[in-house]
């Protein structure tokens, strides 16, 4: 029995002009998910790092950090990079040259977001 998702995928393929064998393959090869699997939120992947704040852009909610390797499931090599910052992070507490520890994640679009920032204790 074909799943509703597979039927919708086949109809969409036909309606956008893919049609024929591709639509048939979409129906036959479509993964079968339970309702619980289809509605589960993806796991959040995070990483932890240490770095130095190079710039703070409060209007755009971005900070530029020169950081060492990021550890955890979200590994990243050392570099200088601008990151978006989550709404719960107080940007007014950050300043250029400040040594920090941070937690980073990826949003639904795959973009990196700083979720937490703490001043590094000497």
PDB file of N, CA and C in Angstrom:
ATOM      1  N   UNK A   1       0.849  -1.182   0.000  1.00  0.00           N
ATOM      2  CA  UNK A   1       0.000   0.000   0.000  1.00  0.00           C
ATOM      3  C   UNK A   1       0.892   1.242   0.000  1.00  0.00           C
ATOM      4  N   UNK A   2       0.587   2.165  -0.855  1.00  0.00           N
ATOM      5  CA  UNK A   2       1.371   3.389  -0.981  1.00  0.00           C
ATOM      6  C   UNK A   2       1.027   4.347   0.150  1.00  0.00           C
ATOM      7  N   UNK A   3       2.043   5.019   0.648  1.00  0.00           N
ATOM      8  CA  UNK A   3       1.797   6.003   1.696  1.00  0.00           C
ATOM      9  C   UNK A   3       1.251   7.282   1.091  1.00  0.00           C
ATOM     10  N   UNK A   4       0.609   8.060   1.917  1.00  0.00           N
ATOM     11  CA  UNK A   4       0.068   9.340   1.444  1.00  0.00           C
ATOM     12  C   UNK A   4       1.197  10.230   0.939  1.00  0.00           C
ATOM     13  N   UNK A   5       2.323  10.216   1.639  1.00  0.00           N
ATOM     14  CA  UNK A   5       3.471  11.030   1.228  1.00  0.00           C
ATOM     15  C   UNK A   5       3.925  10.649  -0.173  1.00  0.00           C
ATOM     16  N   UNK A   6       4.018   9.348  -0.446  1.00  0.00           N
ATOM     17  CA  UNK A   6       4.468   8.892  -1.759  1.00  0.00           C
ATOM     18  C   UNK A   6       3.499   9.322  -2.852  1.00  0.00           C
ATOM     19  N   UNK A   7       2.205   9.234  -2.571  1.00  0.00           N
ATOM     20  CA  UNK A   7       1.215   9.656  -3.571  1.00  0.00           C
ATOM     21  C   UNK A   7       1.324  11.147  -3.830  1.00  0.00           C
ATOM     22  N   UNK A   8       1.497  11.934  -2.765  1.00  0.00           N
ATOM     23  CA  UNK A   8       1.633  13.383  -2.930  1.00  0.00           C
ATOM     24  C   UNK A   8       2.905  13.702  -3.714  1.00  0.00           C
ATOM     25  N   UNK A   9       4.003  12.998  -3.422  1.00  0.00           N
ATOM     26  CA  UNK A   9       5.255  13.220  -4.146  1.00  0.00           C
ATOM     27  C   UNK A   9       5.087  12.912  -5.626  1.00  0.00           C
ATOM     28  N   UNK A  10       4.381  11.838  -5.932  1.00  0.00           N
ATOM     29  CA  UNK A  10       4.160  11.482  -7.333  1.00  0.00           C
ATOM     30  C   UNK A  10       3.307  12.531  -8.030  1.00  0.00           C
ATOM     31  N   UNK A  11       2.261  12.994  -7.357  1.00  0.00           N
ATOM     32  CA  UNK A  11       1.406  14.040  -7.943  1.00  0.00           C
ATOM     33  C   UNK A  11       2.204  15.320  -8.167  1.00  0.00           C
ATOM     34  N   UNK A  12       3.056  15.661  -7.210  1.00  0.00           N
ATOM     35  CA  UNK A  12       3.876  16.869  -7.355  1.00  0.00           C
ATOM     36  C   UNK A  12       4.850  16.713  -8.513  1.00  0.00           C
ATOM     37  N   UNK A  13       5.444  15.531  -8.649  1.00  0.00           N
ATOM     38  CA  UNK A  13       6.383  15.292  -9.744  1.00  0.00           C
ATOM     39  C   UNK A  13       5.691  15.432 -11.091  1.00  0.00           C
ATOM     40  N   UNK A  14       4.490  14.915 -11.178  1.00  0.00           N
ATOM     41  CA  UNK A  14       3.737  15.013 -12.430  1.00  0.00           C
ATOM     42  C   UNK A  14       3.362  16.458 -12.707  1.00  0.00           C
ATOM     43  N   UNK A  15       2.920  17.174 -11.655  1.00  0.00           N
ATOM     44  CA  UNK A  15       2.447  18.545 -11.864  1.00  0.00           C
ATOM     45  C   UNK A  15       3.568  19.510 -12.237  1.00  0.00           C
ATOM     46  N   UNK A  16       4.810  19.209 -11.842  1.00  0.00           N
ATOM     47  CA  UNK A  16       5.900  20.115 -12.225  1.00  0.00           C
ATOM     48  C   UNK A  16       6.623  19.632 -13.475  1.00  0.00           C
ATOM     49  N   UNK A  17       6.108  18.591 -14.067  1.00  0.00           N
ATOM     50  CA  UNK A  17       6.619  18.166 -15.360  1.00  0.00           C
ATOM     51  C   UNK A  17       7.647  17.067 -15.333  1.00  0.00           C
ATOM     52  N   UNK A  18       7.916  16.485 -14.163  1.00  0.00           N
ATOM     53  CA  UNK A  18       8.876  15.386 -14.142  1.00  0.00           C
ATOM     54  C   UNK A  18       8.221  14.168 -14.780  1.00  0.00           C
ATOM     55  N   UNK A  19       7.063  13.804 -14.253  1.00  0.00           N
ATOM     56  CA  UNK A  19       6.217  12.760 -14.840  1.00  0.00           C
ATOM     57  C   UNK A  19       6.905  11.437 -15.081  1.00  0.00           C
ATOM     58  N   UNK A  20       6.182  10.559 -15.760  1.00  0.00           N
ATOM     59  CA  UNK A  20       6.668   9.274 -16.236  1.00  0.00           C
ATOM     60  C   UNK A  20       7.418   8.453 -15.225  1.00  0.00           C
ATOM     61  N   UNK A  21       8.576   7.973 -15.642  1.00  0.00           N
ATOM     62  CA  UNK A  21       9.367   7.051 -14.830  1.00  0.00           C
ATOM     63  C   UNK A  21       9.796   7.677 -13.511  1.00  0.00           C
ATOM     64  N   UNK A  22      10.106   8.971 -13.524  1.00  0.00           N
ATOM     65  CA  UNK A  22      10.542   9.632 -12.287  1.00  0.00           C
ATOM     66  C   UNK A  22       9.426   9.642 -11.257  1.00  0.00           C
ATOM     67  N   UNK A  23       8.202   9.902 -11.700  1.00  0.00           N
ATOM     68  CA  UNK A  23       7.065   9.909 -10.776  1.00  0.00           C
ATOM     69  C   UNK A  23       6.830   8.515 -10.234  1.00  0.00           C
ATOM     70  N   UNK A  24       6.942   7.507 -11.099  1.00  0.00           N
ATOM     71  CA  UNK A  24       6.763   6.129 -10.671  1.00  0.00           C
ATOM     72  C   UNK A  24       7.839   5.739  -9.667  1.00  0.00           C
ATOM     73  N   UNK A  25       9.072   6.150  -9.928  1.00  0.00           N
ATOM     74  CA  UNK A  25      10.173   5.856  -9.012  1.00  0.00           C
ATOM     75  C   UNK A  25       9.959   6.548  -7.679  1.00  0.00           C
ATOM     76  N   UNK A  26       9.398   7.753  -7.713  1.00  0.00           N
ATOM     77  CA  UNK A  26       9.135   8.483  -6.471  1.00  0.00           C
ATOM     78  C   UNK A  26       8.161   7.714  -5.603  1.00  0.00           C
ATOM     79  N   UNK A  27       7.158   7.098  -6.230  1.00  0.00           N
ATOM     80  CA  UNK A  27       6.166   6.333  -5.472  1.00  0.00           C
ATOM     81  C   UNK A  27       6.783   5.045  -4.951  1.00  0.00           C
ATOM     82  N   UNK A  28       7.493   4.316  -5.803  1.00  0.00           N
ATOM     83  CA  UNK A  28       8.034   3.018  -5.416  1.00  0.00           C
ATOM     84  C   UNK A  28       9.196   3.131  -4.441  1.00  0.00           C
ATOM     85  N   UNK A  29      10.013   4.173  -4.583  1.00  0.00           N
ATOM     86  CA  UNK A  29      11.194   4.293  -3.742  1.00  0.00           C
ATOM     87  C   UNK A  29      11.012   5.204  -2.541  1.00  0.00           C
ATOM     88  N   UNK A  30       9.797   5.712  -2.337  1.00  0.00           N
ATOM     89  CA  UNK A  30       9.563   6.661  -1.244  1.00  0.00           C
ATOM     90  C   UNK A  30       9.744   5.981   0.103  1.00  0.00           C
ATOM     91  N   UNK A  31      10.456   6.616   1.020  1.00  0.00           N
ATOM     92  CA  UNK A  31      10.604   6.035   2.355  1.00  0.00           C
ATOM     93  C   UNK A  31       9.270   6.018   3.075  1.00  0.00           C
ATOM     94  N   UNK A  32       9.103   5.037   3.916  1.00  0.00           N
ATOM     95  CA  UNK A  32       7.851   4.924   4.660  1.00  0.00           C
ATOM     96  C   UNK A  32       8.116   5.366   6.102  1.00  0.00           C
ATOM     97  N   UNK A  33       7.397   6.386   6.545  1.00  0.00           N
ATOM     98  CA  UNK A  33       7.555   6.935   7.883  1.00  0.00           C
ATOM     99  C   UNK A  33       6.267   6.763   8.658  1.00  0.00           C
ATOM    100  N   UNK A  34       6.412   6.560   9.968  1.00  0.00           N
ATOM    101  CA  UNK A  34       5.237   6.588  10.820  1.00  0.00           C
ATOM    102  C   UNK A  34       4.908   8.045  11.105  1.00  0.00           C
ATOM    103  N   UNK A  35       3.723   8.294  11.634  1.00  0.00           N
ATOM    104  CA  UNK A  35       3.344   9.668  11.973  1.00  0.00           C
ATOM    105  C   UNK A  35       4.320  10.235  12.990  1.00  0.00           C
ATOM    106  N   UNK A  36       4.728   9.437  13.965  1.00  0.00           N
ATOM    107  CA  UNK A  36       5.662   9.916  14.991  1.00  0.00           C
ATOM    108  C   UNK A  36       6.993  10.323  14.366  1.00  0.00           C
ATOM    109  N   UNK A  37       7.499   9.518  13.426  1.00  0.00           N
ATOM    110  CA  UNK A  37       8.772   9.855  12.789  1.00  0.00           C
ATOM    111  C   UNK A  37       8.664  11.116  11.957  1.00  0.00           C
ATOM    112  N   UNK A  38       7.556  11.296  11.281  1.00  0.00           N
ATOM    113  CA  UNK A  38       7.379  12.450  10.401  1.00  0.00           C
ATOM    114  C   UNK A  38       7.235  13.748  11.178  1.00  0.00           C
ATOM    115  N   UNK A  39       6.798  13.680  12.434  1.00  0.00           N
ATOM    116  CA  UNK A  39       6.568  14.897  13.208  1.00  0.00           C
ATOM    117  C   UNK A  39       7.659  15.164  14.240  1.00  0.00           C
ATOM    118  N   UNK A  40       8.620  14.246  14.383  1.00  0.00           N
ATOM    119  CA  UNK A  40       9.701  14.464  15.348  1.00  0.00           C
ATOM    120  C   UNK A  40      10.591  15.609  14.893  1.00  0.00           C
ATOM    121  N   UNK A  41      11.082  16.364  15.862  1.00  0.00           N
ATOM    122  CA  UNK A  41      12.041  17.427  15.554  1.00  0.00           C
ATOM    123  C   UNK A  41      13.421  16.793  15.413  1.00  0.00           C
ATOM    124  N   UNK A  42      14.232  17.291  14.479  1.00  0.00           N
ATOM    125  CA  UNK A  42      15.578  16.736  14.344  1.00  0.00           C
ATOM    126  C   UNK A  42      16.409  17.041  15.586  1.00  0.00           C
ATOM    127  N   UNK A  43      17.378  16.159  15.857  1.00  0.00           N
ATOM    128  CA  UNK A  43      18.256  16.389  17.001  1.00  0.00           C
ATOM    129  C   UNK A  43      19.075  17.656  16.785  1.00  0.00           C
ATOM    130  N   UNK A  44      19.278  18.380  17.865  1.00  0.00           N
ATOM    131  CA  UNK A  44      20.103  19.578  17.780  1.00  0.00           C
ATOM    132  C   UNK A  44      21.560  19.157  17.897  1.00  0.00           C
ATOM    133  N   UNK A  45      22.359  19.608  16.977  1.00  0.00           N
ATOM    134  CA  UNK A  45      23.786  19.320  17.002  1.00  0.00           C
ATOM    135  C   UNK A  45      24.496  20.573  17.478  1.00  0.00           C
ATOM    136  N   UNK A  46      25.303  20.417  18.522  1.00  0.00           N
ATOM    137  CA  UNK A  46      26.003  21.574  19.072  1.00  0.00           C
ATOM    138  C   UNK A  46      27.495  21.296  19.171  1.00  0.00           C
ATOM    139  N   UNK A  47      28.223  22.353  19.405  1.00  0.00           N
ATOM    140  CA  UNK A  47      29.647  22.262  19.649  1.00  0.00           C
ATOM    141  C   UNK A  47      30.048  23.340  20.640  1.00  0.00           C
ATOM    142  N   UNK A  48      31.192  23.148  21.286  1.00  0.00           N
ATOM    143  CA  UNK A  48      31.695  24.114  22.250  1.00  0.00           C
ATOM    144  C   UNK A  48      33.058  24.602  21.781  1.00  0.00           C
ATOM    145  N   UNK A  49      33.280  25.886  22.007  1.00  0.00           N
ATOM    146  CA  UNK A  49      34.553  26.456  21.599  1.00  0.00           C
ATOM    147  C   UNK A  49      34.987  27.595  22.492  1.00  0.00           C
ATOM    148  N   UNK A  50      36.218  28.027  22.277  1.00  0.00           N
ATOM    149  CA  UNK A  50      36.787  29.180  22.965  1.00  0.00           C
ATOM    150  C   UNK A  50      37.367  30.095  21.908  1.00  0.00           C
ATOM    151  N   UNK A  51      37.268  31.393  22.161  1.00  0.00           N
ATOM    152  CA  UNK A  51      37.806  32.321  21.180  1.00  0.00           C
ATOM    153  C   UNK A  51      37.891  33.735  21.698  1.00  0.00           C
ATOM    154  N   UNK A  52      38.168  34.642  20.771  1.00  0.00           N
ATOM    155  CA  UNK A  52      38.281  36.067  21.077  1.00  0.00           C
ATOM    156  C   UNK A  52      37.308  36.816  20.182  1.00  0.00           C
ATOM    157  N   UNK A  53      36.513  37.704  20.791  1.00  0.00           N
ATOM    158  CA  UNK A  53      35.562  38.513  20.032  1.00  0.00           C
ATOM    159  C   UNK A  53      36.342  39.538  19.218  1.00  0.00           C
ATOM    160  N   UNK A  54      36.113  39.573  17.913  1.00  0.00           N
ATOM    161  CA  UNK A  54      36.769  40.536  17.023  1.00  0.00           C
ATOM    162  C   UNK A  54      35.855  41.701  16.691  1.00  0.00           C
ATOM    163  N   UNK A  55      34.538  41.459  16.665  1.00  0.00           N
ATOM    164  CA  UNK A  55      33.573  42.525  16.363  1.00  0.00           C
ATOM    165  C   UNK A  55      32.197  42.092  16.839  1.00  0.00           C
ATOM    166  N   UNK A  56      31.378  43.088  17.209  1.00  0.00           N
ATOM    167  CA  UNK A  56      29.992  42.851  17.619  1.00  0.00           C
ATOM    168  C   UNK A  56      29.105  43.751  16.775  1.00  0.00           C
ATOM    169  N   UNK A  57      28.111  43.172  16.115  1.00  0.00           N
ATOM    170  CA  UNK A  57      27.138  43.930  15.326  1.00  0.00           C
ATOM    171  C   UNK A  57      25.763  43.688  15.936  1.00  0.00           C
ATOM    172  N   UNK A  58      25.376  44.566  16.865  1.00  0.00           N
ATOM    173  CA  UNK A  58      24.110  44.399  17.580  1.00  0.00           C
ATOM    174  C   UNK A  58      22.908  44.512  16.651  1.00  0.00           C
ATOM    175  N   UNK A  59      22.976  45.387  15.650  1.00  0.00           N
ATOM    176  CA  UNK A  59      21.851  45.566  14.728  1.00  0.00           C
ATOM    177  C   UNK A  59      21.555  44.290  13.949  1.00  0.00           C
ATOM    178  N   UNK A  60      22.587  43.590  13.517  1.00  0.00           N
ATOM    179  CA  UNK A  60      22.421  42.356  12.740  1.00  0.00           C
ATOM    180  C   UNK A  60      22.449  41.103  13.621  1.00  0.00           C
ATOM    181  N   UNK A  61      22.699  41.283  14.919  1.00  0.00           N
ATOM    182  CA  UNK A  61      22.827  40.180  15.872  1.00  0.00           C
ATOM    183  C   UNK A  61      23.874  39.169  15.390  1.00  0.00           C
ATOM    184  N   UNK A  62      25.061  39.696  15.137  1.00  0.00           N
ATOM    185  CA  UNK A  62      26.195  38.873  14.700  1.00  0.00           C
ATOM    186  C   UNK A  62      27.435  39.251  15.498  1.00  0.00           C
ATOM    187  N   UNK A  63      28.288  38.262  15.719  1.00  0.00           N
ATOM    188  CA  UNK A  63      29.593  38.534  16.305  1.00  0.00           C
ATOM    189  C   UNK A  63      30.651  37.827  15.459  1.00  0.00           C
ATOM    190  N   UNK A  64      31.811  38.457  15.366  1.00  0.00           N
ATOM    191  CA  UNK A  64      32.940  37.831  14.688  1.00  0.00           C
ATOM    192  C   UNK A  64      33.870  37.318  15.767  1.00  0.00           C
ATOM    193  N   UNK A  65      34.247  36.054  15.632  1.00  0.00           N
ATOM    194  CA  UNK A  65      35.083  35.400  16.635  1.00  0.00           C
ATOM    195  C   UNK A  65      36.276  34.742  15.947  1.00  0.00           C
ATOM    196  N   UNK A  66      37.458  34.913  16.541  1.00  0.00           N
ATOM    197  CA  UNK A  66      38.609  34.093  16.170  1.00  0.00           C
ATOM    198  C   UNK A  66      38.627  32.979  17.204  1.00  0.00           C
ATOM    199  N   UNK A  67      38.402  31.752  16.744  1.00  0.00           N
ATOM    200  CA  UNK A  67      38.258  30.652  17.704  1.00  0.00           C
ATOM    201  C   UNK A  67      39.196  29.501  17.376  1.00  0.00           C
ATOM    202  N   UNK A  68      39.442  28.712  18.414  1.00  0.00           N
ATOM    203  CA  UNK A  68      40.192  27.471  18.253  1.00  0.00           C
ATOM    204  C   UNK A  68      39.248  26.398  17.725  1.00  0.00           C
ATOM    205  N   UNK A  69      39.674  25.135  17.791  1.00  0.00           N
ATOM    206  CA  UNK A  69      38.809  24.064  17.306  1.00  0.00           C
ATOM    207  C   UNK A  69      37.523  23.990  18.128  1.00  0.00           C
ATOM    208  N   UNK A  70      36.414  23.748  17.453  1.00  0.00           N
ATOM    209  CA  UNK A  70      35.127  23.553  18.124  1.00  0.00           C
ATOM    210  C   UNK A  70      34.973  22.056  18.335  1.00  0.00           C
ATOM    211  N   UNK A  71      34.658  21.665  19.575  1.00  0.00           N
ATOM    212  CA  UNK A  71      34.526  20.249  19.907  1.00  0.00           C
ATOM    213  C   UNK A  71      33.059  19.855  20.008  1.00  0.00           C
ATOM    214  N   UNK A  72      32.825  18.564  20.090  1.00  0.00           N
ATOM    215  CA  UNK A  72      31.464  18.054  20.172  1.00  0.00           C
ATOM    216  C   UNK A  72      31.006  17.562  18.816  1.00  0.00           C
ATOM    217  N   UNK A  73      29.735  17.202  18.719  1.00  0.00           N
ATOM    218  CA  UNK A  73      29.218  16.691  17.445  1.00  0.00           C
ATOM    219  C   UNK A  73      29.386  17.678  16.286  1.00  0.00           C
ATOM    220  N   UNK A  74      29.375  18.968  16.589  1.00  0.00           N
ATOM    221  CA  UNK A  74      29.519  19.985  15.548  1.00  0.00           C
ATOM    222  C   UNK A  74      30.972  20.453  15.539  1.00  0.00           C
ATOM    223  N   UNK A  75      31.853  19.652  14.975  1.00  0.00           N
ATOM    224  CA  UNK A  75      33.277  19.977  14.961  1.00  0.00           C
ATOM    225  C   UNK A  75      33.575  21.051  13.928  1.00  0.00           C
ATOM    226  N   UNK A  76      34.559  21.887  14.239  1.00  0.00           N
ATOM    227  CA  UNK A  76      34.947  22.956  13.323  1.00  0.00           C
ATOM    228  C   UNK A  76      36.427  23.260  13.558  1.00  0.00           C
ATOM    229  N   UNK A  77      37.143  23.495  12.492  1.00  0.00           N
ATOM    230  CA  UNK A  77      38.563  23.852  12.577  1.00  0.00           C
ATOM    231  C   UNK A  77      38.717  25.279  13.088  1.00  0.00           C
ATOM    232  N   UNK A  78      39.889  25.618  13.610  1.00  0.00           N
ATOM    233  CA  UNK A  78      40.133  26.997  14.047  1.00  0.00           C
ATOM    234  C   UNK A  78      40.013  27.964  12.874  1.00  0.00           C
ATOM    235  N   UNK A  79      39.418  29.122  13.125  1.00  0.00           N
ATOM    236  CA  UNK A  79      39.259  30.149  12.089  1.00  0.00           C
ATOM    237  C   UNK A  79      38.698  31.424  12.700  1.00  0.00           C
ATOM    238  N   UNK A  80      38.590  32.454  11.887  1.00  0.00           N
ATOM    239  CA  UNK A  80      37.874  33.673  12.248  1.00  0.00           C
ATOM    240  C   UNK A  80      36.616  33.690  11.400  1.00  0.00           C
ATOM    241  N   UNK A  81      35.466  33.846  12.059  1.00  0.00           N
ATOM    242  CA  UNK A  81      34.194  33.749  11.350  1.00  0.00           C
ATOM    243  C   UNK A  81      33.134  34.585  12.048  1.00  0.00           C
ATOM    244  N   UNK A  82      32.216  35.124  11.264  1.00  0.00           N
ATOM    245  CA  UNK A  82      31.062  35.840  11.818  1.00  0.00           C
ATOM    246  C   UNK A  82      29.935  34.837  12.025  1.00  0.00           C
ATOM    247  N   UNK A  83      29.286  34.925  13.170  1.00  0.00           N
ATOM    248  CA  UNK A  83      28.197  34.018  13.517  1.00  0.00           C
ATOM    249  C   UNK A  83      26.942  34.807  13.849  1.00  0.00           C
ATOM    250  N   UNK A  84      25.800  34.252  13.512  1.00  0.00           N
ATOM    251  CA  UNK A  84      24.540  34.800  14.006  1.00  0.00           C
ATOM    252  C   UNK A  84      24.449  34.449  15.486  1.00  0.00           C
ATOM    253  N   UNK A  85      23.686  35.262  16.232  1.00  0.00           N
ATOM    254  CA  UNK A  85      23.579  35.069  17.677  1.00  0.00           C
ATOM    255  C   UNK A  85      22.113  34.900  18.048  1.00  0.00           C
ATOM    256  N   UNK A  86      21.824  33.899  18.867  1.00  0.00           N
ATOM    257  CA  UNK A  86      20.455  33.618  19.303  1.00  0.00           C
ATOM    258  C   UNK A  86      19.888  34.803  20.082  1.00  0.00           C
ATOM    259  N   UNK A  87      18.570  34.978  20.057  1.00  0.00           N
ATOM    260  CA  UNK A  87      17.933  36.113  20.738  1.00  0.00           C
ATOM    261  C   UNK A  87      18.182  36.171  22.245  1.00  0.00           C
ATOM    262  N   UNK A  88      18.425  35.023  22.881  1.00  0.00           N
ATOM    263  CA  UNK A  88      18.621  35.010  24.336  1.00  0.00           C
ATOM    264  C   UNK A  88      20.010  35.482  24.770  1.00  0.00           C
ATOM    265  N   UNK A  89      20.935  35.668  23.828  1.00  0.00           N
ATOM    266  CA  UNK A  89      22.299  36.101  24.163  1.00  0.00           C
ATOM    267  C   UNK A  89      22.340  37.624  24.275  1.00  0.00           C
ATOM    268  N   UNK A  90      22.878  38.113  25.396  1.00  0.00           N
ATOM    269  CA  UNK A  90      22.988  39.552  25.641  1.00  0.00           C
ATOM    270  C   UNK A  90      24.249  40.091  24.970  1.00  0.00           C
ATOM    271  N   UNK A  91      24.076  40.719  23.817  1.00  0.00           N
ATOM    272  CA  UNK A  91      25.226  41.241  23.073  1.00  0.00           C
ATOM    273  C   UNK A  91      25.898  42.419  23.773  1.00  0.00           C
ATOM    274  N   UNK A  92      25.156  43.119  24.636  1.00  0.00           N
ATOM    275  CA  UNK A  92      25.745  44.282  25.314  1.00  0.00           C
ATOM    276  C   UNK A  92      26.844  43.868  26.295  1.00  0.00           C
ATOM    277  N   UNK A  93      26.880  42.593  26.664  1.00  0.00           N
ATOM    278  CA  UNK A  93      27.912  42.122  27.592  1.00  0.00           C
ATOM    279  C   UNK A  93      29.201  41.721  26.871  1.00  0.00           C
ATOM    280  N   UNK A  94      29.203  41.806  25.528  1.00  0.00           N
ATOM    281  CA  UNK A  94      30.376  41.415  24.749  1.00  0.00           C
ATOM    282  C   UNK A  94      31.105  42.635  24.217  1.00  0.00           C
ATOM    283  N   UNK A  95      32.424  42.538  24.150  1.00  0.00           N
ATOM    284  CA  UNK A  95      33.210  43.645  23.589  1.00  0.00           C
ATOM    285  C   UNK A  95      34.409  43.087  22.830  1.00  0.00           C
ATOM    286  N   UNK A  96      34.922  43.896  21.924  1.00  0.00           N
ATOM    287  CA  UNK A  96      36.065  43.511  21.108  1.00  0.00           C
ATOM    288  C   UNK A  96      37.244  43.157  22.010  1.00  0.00           C
ATOM    289  N   UNK A  97      37.903  42.043  21.696  1.00  0.00           N
ATOM    290  CA  UNK A  97      39.059  41.601  22.467  1.00  0.00           C
ATOM    291  C   UNK A  97      38.723  40.688  23.633  1.00  0.00           C
ATOM    292  N   UNK A  98      37.443  40.522  23.956  1.00  0.00           N
ATOM    293  CA  UNK A  98      37.023  39.694  25.082  1.00  0.00           C
ATOM    294  C   UNK A  98      37.247  38.210  24.765  1.00  0.00           C
ATOM    295  N   UNK A  99      37.861  37.482  25.707  1.00  0.00           N
ATOM    296  CA  UNK A  99      38.019  36.037  25.570  1.00  0.00           C
ATOM    297  C   UNK A  99      36.729  35.382  26.056  1.00  0.00           C
ATOM    298  N   UNK A 100      36.203  34.455  25.237  1.00  0.00           N
ATOM    299  CA  UNK A 100      34.911  33.844  25.554  1.00  0.00           C
ATOM    300  C   UNK A 100      34.941  32.331  25.354  1.00  0.00           C
ATOM    301  N   UNK A 101      33.970  31.681  25.971  1.00  0.00           N
ATOM    302  CA  UNK A 101      33.613  30.292  25.684  1.00  0.00           C
ATOM    303  C   UNK A 101      32.208  30.373  25.099  1.00  0.00           C
ATOM    304  N   UNK A 102      31.922  29.527  24.122  1.00  0.00           N
ATOM    305  CA  UNK A 102      30.613  29.608  23.477  1.00  0.00           C
ATOM    306  C   UNK A 102      30.092  28.228  23.093  1.00  0.00           C
ATOM    307  N   UNK A 103      28.780  28.179  22.920  1.00  0.00           N
ATOM    308  CA  UNK A 103      28.104  26.994  22.404  1.00  0.00           C
ATOM    309  C   UNK A 103      27.483  27.387  21.082  1.00  0.00           C
ATOM    310  N   UNK A 104      27.692  26.562  20.077  1.00  0.00           N
ATOM    311  CA  UNK A 104      27.201  26.851  18.735  1.00  0.00           C
ATOM    312  C   UNK A 104      26.315  25.698  18.264  1.00  0.00           C
ATOM    313  N   UNK A 105      25.331  26.034  17.443  1.00  0.00           N
ATOM    314  CA  UNK A 105      24.470  25.011  16.849  1.00  0.00           C
ATOM    315  C   UNK A 105      24.212  25.378  15.394  1.00  0.00           C
ATOM    316  N   UNK A 106      23.456  24.536  14.715  1.00  0.00           N
ATOM    317  CA  UNK A 106      23.019  24.830  13.345  1.00  0.00           C
ATOM    318  C   UNK A 106      21.505  24.943  13.369  1.00  0.00           C
ATOM    319  N   UNK A 107      20.990  25.973  12.676  1.00  0.00           N
ATOM    320  CA  UNK A 107      19.540  26.139  12.624  1.00  0.00           C
ATOM    321  C   UNK A 107      18.951  25.267  11.515  1.00  0.00           C
ATOM    322  N   UNK A 108      17.635  25.388  11.302  1.00  0.00           N
ATOM    323  CA  UNK A 108      16.940  24.572  10.306  1.00  0.00           C
ATOM    324  C   UNK A 108      17.491  24.776   8.897  1.00  0.00           C
ATOM    325  N   UNK A 109      18.088  25.933   8.645  1.00  0.00           N
ATOM    326  CA  UNK A 109      18.656  26.218   7.321  1.00  0.00           C
ATOM    327  C   UNK A 109      20.113  25.778   7.215  1.00  0.00           C
ATOM    328  N   UNK A 110      20.650  25.245   8.310  1.00  0.00           N
ATOM    329  CA  UNK A 110      22.041  24.806   8.303  1.00  0.00           C
ATOM    330  C   UNK A 110      23.036  25.892   8.648  1.00  0.00           C
ATOM    331  N   UNK A 111      22.547  27.057   9.067  1.00  0.00           N
ATOM    332  CA  UNK A 111      23.426  28.172   9.413  1.00  0.00           C
ATOM    333  C   UNK A 111      23.880  28.047  10.867  1.00  0.00           C
ATOM    334  N   UNK A 112      25.105  28.474  11.129  1.00  0.00           N
ATOM    335  CA  UNK A 112      25.635  28.427  12.492  1.00  0.00           C
ATOM    336  C   UNK A 112      25.041  29.549  13.335  1.00  0.00           C
ATOM    337  N   UNK A 113      24.699  29.212  14.589  1.00  0.00           N
ATOM    338  CA  UNK A 113      24.123  30.180  15.525  1.00  0.00           C
ATOM    339  C   UNK A 113      24.801  30.002  16.882  1.00  0.00           C
ATOM    340  N   UNK A 114      25.275  31.116  17.459  1.00  0.00           N
ATOM    341  CA  UNK A 114      25.823  31.090  18.815  1.00  0.00           C
ATOM    342  C   UNK A 114      24.642  31.059  19.779  1.00  0.00           C
ATOM    343  N   UNK A 115      24.563  29.989  20.580  1.00  0.00           N
ATOM    344  CA  UNK A 115      23.443  29.804  21.509  1.00  0.00           C
ATOM    345  C   UNK A 115      23.758  30.318  22.911  1.00  0.00           C
ATOM    346  N   UNK A 116      25.047  30.335  23.257  1.00  0.00           N
ATOM    347  CA  UNK A 116      25.441  30.741  24.610  1.00  0.00           C
ATOM    348  C   UNK A 116      26.865  31.290  24.551  1.00  0.00           C
ATOM    349  N   UNK A 117      27.099  32.364  25.282  1.00  0.00           N
ATOM    350  CA  UNK A 117      28.435  32.973  25.356  1.00  0.00           C
ATOM    351  C   UNK A 117      28.740  33.264  26.818  1.00  0.00           C
ATOM    352  N   UNK A 118      29.945  32.876  27.261  1.00  0.00           N
ATOM    353  CA  UNK A 118      30.387  33.138  28.627  1.00  0.00           C
ATOM    354  C   UNK A 118      31.792  33.713  28.590  1.00  0.00           C
ATOM    355  N   UNK A 119      32.049  34.740  29.379  1.00  0.00           N
ATOM    356  CA  UNK A 119      33.424  35.253  29.453  1.00  0.00           C
ATOM    357  C   UNK A 119      34.343  34.142  29.965  1.00  0.00           C
ATOM    358  N   UNK A 120      35.520  34.046  29.381  1.00  0.00           N
ATOM    359  CA  UNK A 120      36.482  33.041  29.818  1.00  0.00           C
ATOM    360  C   UNK A 120      37.144  33.533  31.091  1.00  0.00           C
ATOM    361  N   UNK A 121      37.149  32.686  32.098  1.00  0.00           N
ATOM    362  CA  UNK A 121      37.760  33.071  33.371  1.00  0.00           C
ATOM    363  C   UNK A 121      39.261  32.848  33.286  1.00  0.00           C
ATOM    364  N   UNK A 122      40.037  33.822  33.794  1.00  0.00           N
ATOM    365  CA  UNK A 122      41.510  33.709  33.730  1.00  0.00           C
ATOM    366  C   UNK A 122      42.043  32.537  34.518  1.00  0.00           C
TER     367      UNK A 122
END
